[in-house]
């Protein structure tokens, strides 16, 4: 099984199209790029770009810049913006969202404007210089206008479920979405102070068998009070043994 793209590659992908649209509409865009129909593809960070966090690259300008040069420009801008993110935003994943309530509370939905503004305030001057030089973006408000939707798209892409059950990790079965705190218990859980509203909105994708096992072994009130995350469910020996058992069955079938 091959691994998916890294978080950095996902960010490059999310940033590529908005940057290209802005550049294609700029007066200095060369005809070779205006006429290109080739989509900018995800690309791994090459050895050529390893030094760019600490250094600066020289770029062709005006009609000299071609498609390859522009891909390097996008990767360089993405690299400087991405490495200015908080570490938890750089490493955000679906599993991290499920297992860490604080993590999920921060990144489970579209980020508020105040959080976005704080993230964008850390973008280094070199990235801003490139955006100004090639996209004519020279104000912080314009940078935020570019980056806000890109960051939200990146979080959504990085935290997508990979198609496997959150408990048993099997990917051969249809999954359904369930609240980690049963919906019938939301009002009481909030009133009693067991969870805040963000926690109540957390969901898990489960296969039918795992969903039935959870509700067979744990009452709704206990789920609401003590087992509000996948990590907490897997700390129960009976749930953990169940996931190991079905995992062995899958391996035998293979």
C-alpha atoms as a PDB file:
ATOM      1  CA  UNK A   1       0.000   0.000   0.000  1.00  0.00           C
ATOM      2  CA  UNK A   2       1.396   3.389  -0.973  1.00  0.00           C
ATOM      3  CA  UNK A   3       1.163   6.339   1.346  1.00  0.00           C
ATOM      4  CA  UNK A   4      -0.717   9.455   0.387  1.00  0.00           C
ATOM      5  CA  UNK A   5       0.749  12.888  -0.122  1.00  0.00           C
ATOM      6  CA  UNK A   6       2.415  14.585   2.825  1.00  0.00           C
ATOM      7  CA  UNK A   7       0.780  17.563   4.491  1.00  0.00           C
ATOM      8  CA  UNK A   8       3.219  19.872   2.737  1.00  0.00           C
ATOM      9  CA  UNK A   9       2.304  18.390  -0.636  1.00  0.00           C
ATOM     10  CA  UNK A  10      -1.370  18.880   0.192  1.00  0.00           C
ATOM     11  CA  UNK A  11      -0.700  22.517   1.010  1.00  0.00           C
ATOM     12  CA  UNK A  12       1.162  23.020  -2.285  1.00  0.00           C
ATOM     13  CA  UNK A  13      -1.809  21.526  -4.097  1.00  0.00           C
ATOM     14  CA  UNK A  14      -4.268  23.828  -2.303  1.00  0.00           C
ATOM     15  CA  UNK A  15      -2.143  26.925  -2.976  1.00  0.00           C
ATOM     16  CA  UNK A  16      -1.297  26.171  -6.618  1.00  0.00           C
ATOM     17  CA  UNK A  17      -4.601  26.965  -8.294  1.00  0.00           C
ATOM     18  CA  UNK A  18      -5.299  30.292  -6.504  1.00  0.00           C
ATOM     19  CA  UNK A  19      -1.728  31.472  -7.183  1.00  0.00           C
ATOM     20  CA  UNK A  20      -1.909  30.467 -10.801  1.00  0.00           C
ATOM     21  CA  UNK A  21      -5.242  32.256 -11.310  1.00  0.00           C
ATOM     22  CA  UNK A  22      -3.830  35.448  -9.823  1.00  0.00           C
ATOM     23  CA  UNK A  23      -0.672  35.208 -11.905  1.00  0.00           C
ATOM     24  CA  UNK A  24      -2.517  34.487 -15.154  1.00  0.00           C
ATOM     25  CA  UNK A  25      -4.580  37.636 -14.659  1.00  0.00           C
ATOM     26  CA  UNK A  26      -1.540  39.830 -14.021  1.00  0.00           C
ATOM     27  CA  UNK A  27      -0.139  42.116 -16.776  1.00  0.00           C
ATOM     28  CA  UNK A  28       3.338  40.569 -16.557  1.00  0.00           C
ATOM     29  CA  UNK A  29       2.198  37.010 -17.201  1.00  0.00           C
ATOM     30  CA  UNK A  30       4.051  35.597 -20.249  1.00  0.00           C
ATOM     31  CA  UNK A  31       2.006  34.209 -23.189  1.00  0.00           C
ATOM     32  CA  UNK A  32       3.477  30.736 -22.641  1.00  0.00           C
ATOM     33  CA  UNK A  33       1.793  30.547 -19.242  1.00  0.00           C
ATOM     34  CA  UNK A  34      -1.441  32.201 -20.364  1.00  0.00           C
ATOM     35  CA  UNK A  35      -1.921  29.516 -22.989  1.00  0.00           C
ATOM     36  CA  UNK A  36      -0.937  26.564 -20.855  1.00  0.00           C
ATOM     37  CA  UNK A  37      -3.716  24.127 -20.005  1.00  0.00           C
ATOM     38  CA  UNK A  38      -1.493  21.870 -17.952  1.00  0.00           C
ATOM     39  CA  UNK A  39      -2.708  21.570 -14.325  1.00  0.00           C
ATOM     40  CA  UNK A  40      -0.046  22.164 -11.725  1.00  0.00           C
ATOM     41  CA  UNK A  41       0.522  18.777 -10.153  1.00  0.00           C
ATOM     42  CA  UNK A  42       1.586  17.858  -6.621  1.00  0.00           C
ATOM     43  CA  UNK A  43       5.344  17.481  -6.454  1.00  0.00           C
ATOM     44  CA  UNK A  44       7.720  16.324  -3.776  1.00  0.00           C
ATOM     45  CA  UNK A  45      10.179  18.753  -2.312  1.00  0.00           C
ATOM     46  CA  UNK A  46      13.250  18.255  -4.482  1.00  0.00           C
ATOM     47  CA  UNK A  47      16.854  18.529  -3.366  1.00  0.00           C
ATOM     48  CA  UNK A  48      17.006  21.754  -5.353  1.00  0.00           C
ATOM     49  CA  UNK A  49      14.540  23.341  -2.929  1.00  0.00           C
ATOM     50  CA  UNK A  50      15.862  22.000   0.380  1.00  0.00           C
ATOM     51  CA  UNK A  51      17.850  25.175   1.020  1.00  0.00           C
ATOM     52  CA  UNK A  52      15.001  27.565   0.410  1.00  0.00           C
ATOM     53  CA  UNK A  53      13.815  27.838   4.009  1.00  0.00           C
ATOM     54  CA  UNK A  54      17.026  29.659   4.891  1.00  0.00           C
ATOM     55  CA  UNK A  55      17.936  31.117   1.516  1.00  0.00           C
ATOM     56  CA  UNK A  56      16.486  32.866  -1.467  1.00  0.00           C
ATOM     57  CA  UNK A  57      16.067  31.654  -5.028  1.00  0.00           C
ATOM     58  CA  UNK A  58      16.554  33.627  -8.200  1.00  0.00           C
ATOM     59  CA  UNK A  59      13.588  33.691 -10.561  1.00  0.00           C
ATOM     60  CA  UNK A  60      13.195  34.654 -14.167  1.00  0.00           C
ATOM     61  CA  UNK A  61      10.895  37.586 -14.695  1.00  0.00           C
ATOM     62  CA  UNK A  62       8.336  38.711 -17.246  1.00  0.00           C
ATOM     63  CA  UNK A  63       8.200  36.724 -20.454  1.00  0.00           C
ATOM     64  CA  UNK A  64      11.174  34.580 -19.379  1.00  0.00           C
ATOM     65  CA  UNK A  65       9.216  32.618 -16.739  1.00  0.00           C
ATOM     66  CA  UNK A  66       7.858  29.306 -18.024  1.00  0.00           C
ATOM     67  CA  UNK A  67       5.636  26.620 -16.479  1.00  0.00           C
ATOM     68  CA  UNK A  68       8.536  24.908 -14.719  1.00  0.00           C
ATOM     69  CA  UNK A  69       9.756  28.174 -13.208  1.00  0.00           C
ATOM     70  CA  UNK A  70       6.260  28.905 -11.968  1.00  0.00           C
ATOM     71  CA  UNK A  71       5.979  25.506 -10.269  1.00  0.00           C
ATOM     72  CA  UNK A  72       9.219  26.238  -8.430  1.00  0.00           C
ATOM     73  CA  UNK A  73       7.855  29.638  -7.414  1.00  0.00           C
ATOM     74  CA  UNK A  74       4.658  28.087  -6.010  1.00  0.00           C
ATOM     75  CA  UNK A  75       6.596  25.438  -4.109  1.00  0.00           C
ATOM     76  CA  UNK A  76       8.916  28.054  -2.639  1.00  0.00           C
ATOM     77  CA  UNK A  77       6.066  30.330  -1.500  1.00  0.00           C
ATOM     78  CA  UNK A  78       4.216  27.314  -0.088  1.00  0.00           C
ATOM     79  CA  UNK A  79       7.328  26.160   1.774  1.00  0.00           C
ATOM     80  CA  UNK A  80       7.856  29.486   3.527  1.00  0.00           C
ATOM     81  CA  UNK A  81       4.184  29.839   4.446  1.00  0.00           C
ATOM     82  CA  UNK A  82       3.817  26.208   5.567  1.00  0.00           C
ATOM     83  CA  UNK A  83       6.890  26.275   7.812  1.00  0.00           C
ATOM     84  CA  UNK A  84       5.533  29.404   9.526  1.00  0.00           C
ATOM     85  CA  UNK A  85       2.457  27.460  10.692  1.00  0.00           C
ATOM     86  CA  UNK A  86       2.214  26.198  14.294  1.00  0.00           C
ATOM     87  CA  UNK A  87       3.606  22.625  14.514  1.00  0.00           C
ATOM     88  CA  UNK A  88       0.181  21.111  15.191  1.00  0.00           C
ATOM     89  CA  UNK A  89      -1.230  22.733  12.042  1.00  0.00           C
ATOM     90  CA  UNK A  90       1.688  21.388   9.987  1.00  0.00           C
ATOM     91  CA  UNK A  91       1.012  17.852  11.234  1.00  0.00           C
ATOM     92  CA  UNK A  92      -2.801  17.891  11.432  1.00  0.00           C
ATOM     93  CA  UNK A  93      -4.401  14.561  10.430  1.00  0.00           C
ATOM     94  CA  UNK A  94      -7.766  12.861  10.699  1.00  0.00           C
ATOM     95  CA  UNK A  95      -6.505  10.499  13.418  1.00  0.00           C
ATOM     96  CA  UNK A  96      -5.091  13.375  15.442  1.00  0.00           C
ATOM     97  CA  UNK A  97      -8.470  15.099  15.234  1.00  0.00           C
ATOM     98  CA  UNK A  98     -10.226  11.987  16.520  1.00  0.00           C
ATOM     99  CA  UNK A  99      -7.849  11.244  19.383  1.00  0.00           C
ATOM    100  CA  UNK A 100      -7.087  14.700  20.748  1.00  0.00           C
ATOM    101  CA  UNK A 101     -10.083  16.768  21.951  1.00  0.00           C
ATOM    102  CA  UNK A 102      -8.043  19.984  22.134  1.00  0.00           C
ATOM    103  CA  UNK A 103      -6.703  19.429  18.629  1.00  0.00           C
ATOM    104  CA  UNK A 104     -10.189  18.761  17.297  1.00  0.00           C
ATOM    105  CA  UNK A 105     -11.575  21.798  19.068  1.00  0.00           C
ATOM    106  CA  UNK A 106      -9.088  23.984  17.225  1.00  0.00           C
ATOM    107  CA  UNK A 107      -9.206  22.478  13.733  1.00  0.00           C
ATOM    108  CA  UNK A 108     -12.478  20.530  13.429  1.00  0.00           C
ATOM    109  CA  UNK A 109     -14.291  23.258  11.499  1.00  0.00           C
ATOM    110  CA  UNK A 110     -13.500  26.307   9.426  1.00  0.00           C
ATOM    111  CA  UNK A 111     -11.152  28.484  11.419  1.00  0.00           C
ATOM    112  CA  UNK A 112     -12.446  31.772  12.831  1.00  0.00           C
ATOM    113  CA  UNK A 113     -11.098  34.974  11.297  1.00  0.00           C
ATOM    114  CA  UNK A 114      -9.114  35.826  14.439  1.00  0.00           C
ATOM    115  CA  UNK A 115      -7.253  32.487  14.317  1.00  0.00           C
ATOM    116  CA  UNK A 116      -6.597  32.862  10.589  1.00  0.00           C
ATOM    117  CA  UNK A 117      -5.258  36.366  11.105  1.00  0.00           C
ATOM    118  CA  UNK A 118      -2.881  35.114  13.791  1.00  0.00           C
ATOM    119  CA  UNK A 119      -1.593  32.334  11.523  1.00  0.00           C
ATOM    120  CA  UNK A 120      -1.087  34.736   8.614  1.00  0.00           C
ATOM    121  CA  UNK A 121       0.720  37.249  10.816  1.00  0.00           C
ATOM    122  CA  UNK A 122       3.606  34.754  11.026  1.00  0.00           C
ATOM    123  CA  UNK A 123       4.129  34.516   7.258  1.00  0.00           C
ATOM    124  CA  UNK A 124       7.771  35.543   6.658  1.00  0.00           C
ATOM    125  CA  UNK A 125       8.734  38.649   4.715  1.00  0.00           C
ATOM    126  CA  UNK A 126      10.407  36.625   1.959  1.00  0.00           C
ATOM    127  CA  UNK A 127       7.112  34.924   1.054  1.00  0.00           C
ATOM    128  CA  UNK A 128       5.410  38.331   1.073  1.00  0.00           C
ATOM    129  CA  UNK A 129       8.119  39.703  -1.228  1.00  0.00           C
ATOM    130  CA  UNK A 130       7.506  36.906  -3.737  1.00  0.00           C
ATOM    131  CA  UNK A 131       3.741  37.451  -3.629  1.00  0.00           C
ATOM    132  CA  UNK A 132       4.249  41.168  -4.169  1.00  0.00           C
ATOM    133  CA  UNK A 133       6.733  40.708  -6.993  1.00  0.00           C
ATOM    134  CA  UNK A 134       4.853  38.102  -9.003  1.00  0.00           C
ATOM    135  CA  UNK A 135       1.184  38.486  -7.987  1.00  0.00           C
ATOM    136  CA  UNK A 136       1.112  42.216  -7.155  1.00  0.00           C
ATOM    137  CA  UNK A 137      -0.114  41.407  -3.641  1.00  0.00           C
ATOM    138  CA  UNK A 138       1.376  44.075  -1.436  1.00  0.00           C
ATOM    139  CA  UNK A 139      -1.067  44.464   1.460  1.00  0.00           C
ATOM    140  CA  UNK A 140      -1.667  42.212   4.454  1.00  0.00           C
ATOM    141  CA  UNK A 141      -5.397  42.220   3.676  1.00  0.00           C
ATOM    142  CA  UNK A 142      -4.674  40.846   0.182  1.00  0.00           C
ATOM    143  CA  UNK A 143      -2.422  38.143   1.598  1.00  0.00           C
ATOM    144  CA  UNK A 144      -5.151  37.131   4.038  1.00  0.00           C
ATOM    145  CA  UNK A 145      -7.669  37.082   1.188  1.00  0.00           C
ATOM    146  CA  UNK A 146      -5.421  34.619  -0.656  1.00  0.00           C
ATOM    147  CA  UNK A 147      -4.439  32.497   2.337  1.00  0.00           C
ATOM    148  CA  UNK A 148      -7.667  32.172   4.353  1.00  0.00           C
ATOM    149  CA  UNK A 149      -9.492  29.836   1.910  1.00  0.00           C
ATOM    150  CA  UNK A 150      -6.248  27.997   1.095  1.00  0.00           C
ATOM    151  CA  UNK A 151      -5.618  27.187   4.768  1.00  0.00           C
ATOM    152  CA  UNK A 152      -9.203  25.988   5.238  1.00  0.00           C
ATOM    153  CA  UNK A 153      -8.929  23.812   2.116  1.00  0.00           C
ATOM    154  CA  UNK A 154      -5.640  22.400   3.414  1.00  0.00           C
ATOM    155  CA  UNK A 155      -7.152  21.489   6.807  1.00  0.00           C
ATOM    156  CA  UNK A 156     -10.107  19.836   5.100  1.00  0.00           C
ATOM    157  CA  UNK A 157      -7.810  17.822   2.810  1.00  0.00           C
ATOM    158  CA  UNK A 158      -5.420  16.802   5.611  1.00  0.00           C
ATOM    159  CA  UNK A 159      -8.213  15.664   7.947  1.00  0.00           C
ATOM    160  CA  UNK A 160     -10.269  13.624   5.502  1.00  0.00           C
ATOM    161  CA  UNK A 161     -11.105  10.087   6.572  1.00  0.00           C
ATOM    162  CA  UNK A 162      -9.106   7.556   4.553  1.00  0.00           C
ATOM    163  CA  UNK A 163     -12.105   5.238   4.141  1.00  0.00           C
ATOM    164  CA  UNK A 164     -11.329   2.930   7.069  1.00  0.00           C
ATOM    165  CA  UNK A 165     -13.362   2.405  10.236  1.00  0.00           C
ATOM    166  CA  UNK A 166     -12.068   4.587  13.071  1.00  0.00           C
ATOM    167  CA  UNK A 167     -12.065   1.648  15.493  1.00  0.00           C
ATOM    168  CA  UNK A 168     -11.112  -1.535  13.634  1.00  0.00           C
ATOM    169  CA  UNK A 169      -9.323   0.204  10.709  1.00  0.00           C
ATOM    170  CA  UNK A 170     -11.016  -2.105   8.184  1.00  0.00           C
ATOM    171  CA  UNK A 171     -11.811  -0.502   4.838  1.00  0.00           C
ATOM    172  CA  UNK A 172     -13.941  -3.232   3.271  1.00  0.00           C
ATOM    173  CA  UNK A 173     -17.236  -2.158   4.778  1.00  0.00           C
ATOM    174  CA  UNK A 174     -19.694   0.694   4.443  1.00  0.00           C
ATOM    175  CA  UNK A 175     -19.127   3.378   7.066  1.00  0.00           C
ATOM    176  CA  UNK A 176     -21.682   5.568   8.787  1.00  0.00           C
ATOM    177  CA  UNK A 177     -21.169   8.784  10.721  1.00  0.00           C
ATOM    178  CA  UNK A 178     -21.854   8.805  14.459  1.00  0.00           C
ATOM    179  CA  UNK A 179     -21.488  11.372  17.227  1.00  0.00           C
ATOM    180  CA  UNK A 180     -18.853  10.300  19.744  1.00  0.00           C
ATOM    181  CA  UNK A 181     -21.160  11.715  22.410  1.00  0.00           C
ATOM    182  CA  UNK A 182     -24.576  10.208  21.502  1.00  0.00           C
ATOM    183  CA  UNK A 183     -26.874  12.891  20.160  1.00  0.00           C
ATOM    184  CA  UNK A 184     -29.625  11.916  22.596  1.00  0.00           C
ATOM    185  CA  UNK A 185     -27.247  12.843  25.429  1.00  0.00           C
ATOM    186  CA  UNK A 186     -26.123  16.234  24.081  1.00  0.00           C
ATOM    187  CA  UNK A 187     -28.483  18.383  26.121  1.00  0.00           C
ATOM    188  CA  UNK A 188     -27.652  16.621  29.371  1.00  0.00           C
ATOM    189  CA  UNK A 189     -23.909  16.467  28.652  1.00  0.00           C
ATOM    190  CA  UNK A 190     -23.824  20.221  28.057  1.00  0.00           C
ATOM    191  CA  UNK A 191     -26.047  21.007  31.046  1.00  0.00           C
ATOM    192  CA  UNK A 192     -23.973  18.826  33.380  1.00  0.00           C
ATOM    193  CA  UNK A 193     -20.748  20.350  32.065  1.00  0.00           C
ATOM    194  CA  UNK A 194     -19.327  17.079  30.753  1.00  0.00           C
ATOM    195  CA  UNK A 195     -18.498  18.597  27.357  1.00  0.00           C
ATOM    196  CA  UNK A 196     -18.600  21.936  25.558  1.00  0.00           C
ATOM    197  CA  UNK A 197     -20.401  22.514  22.255  1.00  0.00           C
ATOM    198  CA  UNK A 198     -17.310  21.830  20.128  1.00  0.00           C
ATOM    199  CA  UNK A 199     -16.798  18.457  21.773  1.00  0.00           C
ATOM    200  CA  UNK A 200     -20.445  17.531  21.228  1.00  0.00           C
ATOM    201  CA  UNK A 201     -20.017  18.061  17.476  1.00  0.00           C
ATOM    202  CA  UNK A 202     -17.199  15.510  17.116  1.00  0.00           C
ATOM    203  CA  UNK A 203     -18.010  12.513  14.970  1.00  0.00           C
ATOM    204  CA  UNK A 204     -16.518   9.121  14.109  1.00  0.00           C
ATOM    205  CA  UNK A 205     -16.856   6.942  11.019  1.00  0.00           C
ATOM    206  CA  UNK A 206     -17.671   3.381  12.064  1.00  0.00           C
ATOM    207  CA  UNK A 207     -18.533   0.138  10.336  1.00  0.00           C
ATOM    208  CA  UNK A 208     -21.819  -1.458  11.376  1.00  0.00           C
ATOM    209  CA  UNK A 209     -20.150  -4.175  13.461  1.00  0.00           C
ATOM    210  CA  UNK A 210     -18.080  -1.736  15.526  1.00  0.00           C
ATOM    211  CA  UNK A 211     -21.061   0.545  16.061  1.00  0.00           C
ATOM    212  CA  UNK A 212     -23.115  -2.363  17.389  1.00  0.00           C
ATOM    213  CA  UNK A 213     -20.312  -3.570  19.664  1.00  0.00           C
ATOM    214  CA  UNK A 214     -19.839  -0.123  21.202  1.00  0.00           C
ATOM    215  CA  UNK A 215     -23.532   0.260  22.021  1.00  0.00           C
ATOM    216  CA  UNK A 216     -23.767  -3.314  23.257  1.00  0.00           C
ATOM    217  CA  UNK A 217     -20.930  -2.863  25.743  1.00  0.00           C
ATOM    218  CA  UNK A 218     -21.349   0.788  26.791  1.00  0.00           C
ATOM    219  CA  UNK A 219     -24.532   2.621  27.753  1.00  0.00           C
ATOM    220  CA  UNK A 220     -25.297   6.008  26.172  1.00  0.00           C
ATOM    221  CA  UNK A 221     -24.776   7.815  29.470  1.00  0.00           C
ATOM    222  CA  UNK A 222     -21.349   6.214  29.960  1.00  0.00           C
ATOM    223  CA  UNK A 223     -20.408   7.058  26.376  1.00  0.00           C
ATOM    224  CA  UNK A 224     -21.344  10.662  27.076  1.00  0.00           C
ATOM    225  CA  UNK A 225     -19.508  10.893  30.391  1.00  0.00           C
ATOM    226  CA  UNK A 226     -16.333   8.871  29.855  1.00  0.00           C
ATOM    227  CA  UNK A 227     -15.774   7.863  26.233  1.00  0.00           C
ATOM    228  CA  UNK A 228     -15.885  10.984  24.091  1.00  0.00           C
ATOM    229  CA  UNK A 229     -13.016  10.013  21.766  1.00  0.00           C
ATOM    230  CA  UNK A 230     -11.754   7.035  19.783  1.00  0.00           C
ATOM    231  CA  UNK A 231      -8.634   7.002  21.944  1.00  0.00           C
ATOM    232  CA  UNK A 232     -10.721   6.610  25.117  1.00  0.00           C
ATOM    233  CA  UNK A 233     -12.807   3.843  23.558  1.00  0.00           C
ATOM    234  CA  UNK A 234      -9.654   1.931  22.624  1.00  0.00           C
ATOM    235  CA  UNK A 235      -8.429   2.127  26.217  1.00  0.00           C
ATOM    236  CA  UNK A 236     -11.219  -0.281  27.167  1.00  0.00           C
ATOM    237  CA  UNK A 237      -9.895  -3.837  27.073  1.00  0.00           C
ATOM    238  CA  UNK A 238     -13.112  -5.281  25.596  1.00  0.00           C
ATOM    239  CA  UNK A 239     -13.200  -2.789  22.711  1.00  0.00           C
ATOM    240  CA  UNK A 240      -9.469  -3.188  22.112  1.00  0.00           C
ATOM    241  CA  UNK A 241      -9.803  -6.989  22.037  1.00  0.00           C
ATOM    242  CA  UNK A 242     -12.665  -6.712  19.573  1.00  0.00           C
ATOM    243  CA  UNK A 243     -10.606  -4.633  17.151  1.00  0.00           C
ATOM    244  CA  UNK A 244      -7.701  -7.095  17.423  1.00  0.00           C
ATOM    245  CA  UNK A 245     -10.032 -10.026  16.725  1.00  0.00           C
ATOM    246  CA  UNK A 246     -11.556  -8.560  13.573  1.00  0.00           C
ATOM    247  CA  UNK A 247      -8.085  -7.497  12.472  1.00  0.00           C
ATOM    248  CA  UNK A 248      -6.899 -11.106  12.684  1.00  0.00           C
ATOM    249  CA  UNK A 249      -9.916 -12.224  10.651  1.00  0.00           C
ATOM    250  CA  UNK A 250      -9.061  -9.750   7.895  1.00  0.00           C
ATOM    251  CA  UNK A 251      -5.432 -10.919   7.819  1.00  0.00           C
ATOM    252  CA  UNK A 252      -6.547 -14.556   7.493  1.00  0.00           C
ATOM    253  CA  UNK A 253      -8.852 -13.649   4.614  1.00  0.00           C
ATOM    254  CA  UNK A 254      -5.992 -11.894   2.832  1.00  0.00           C
END
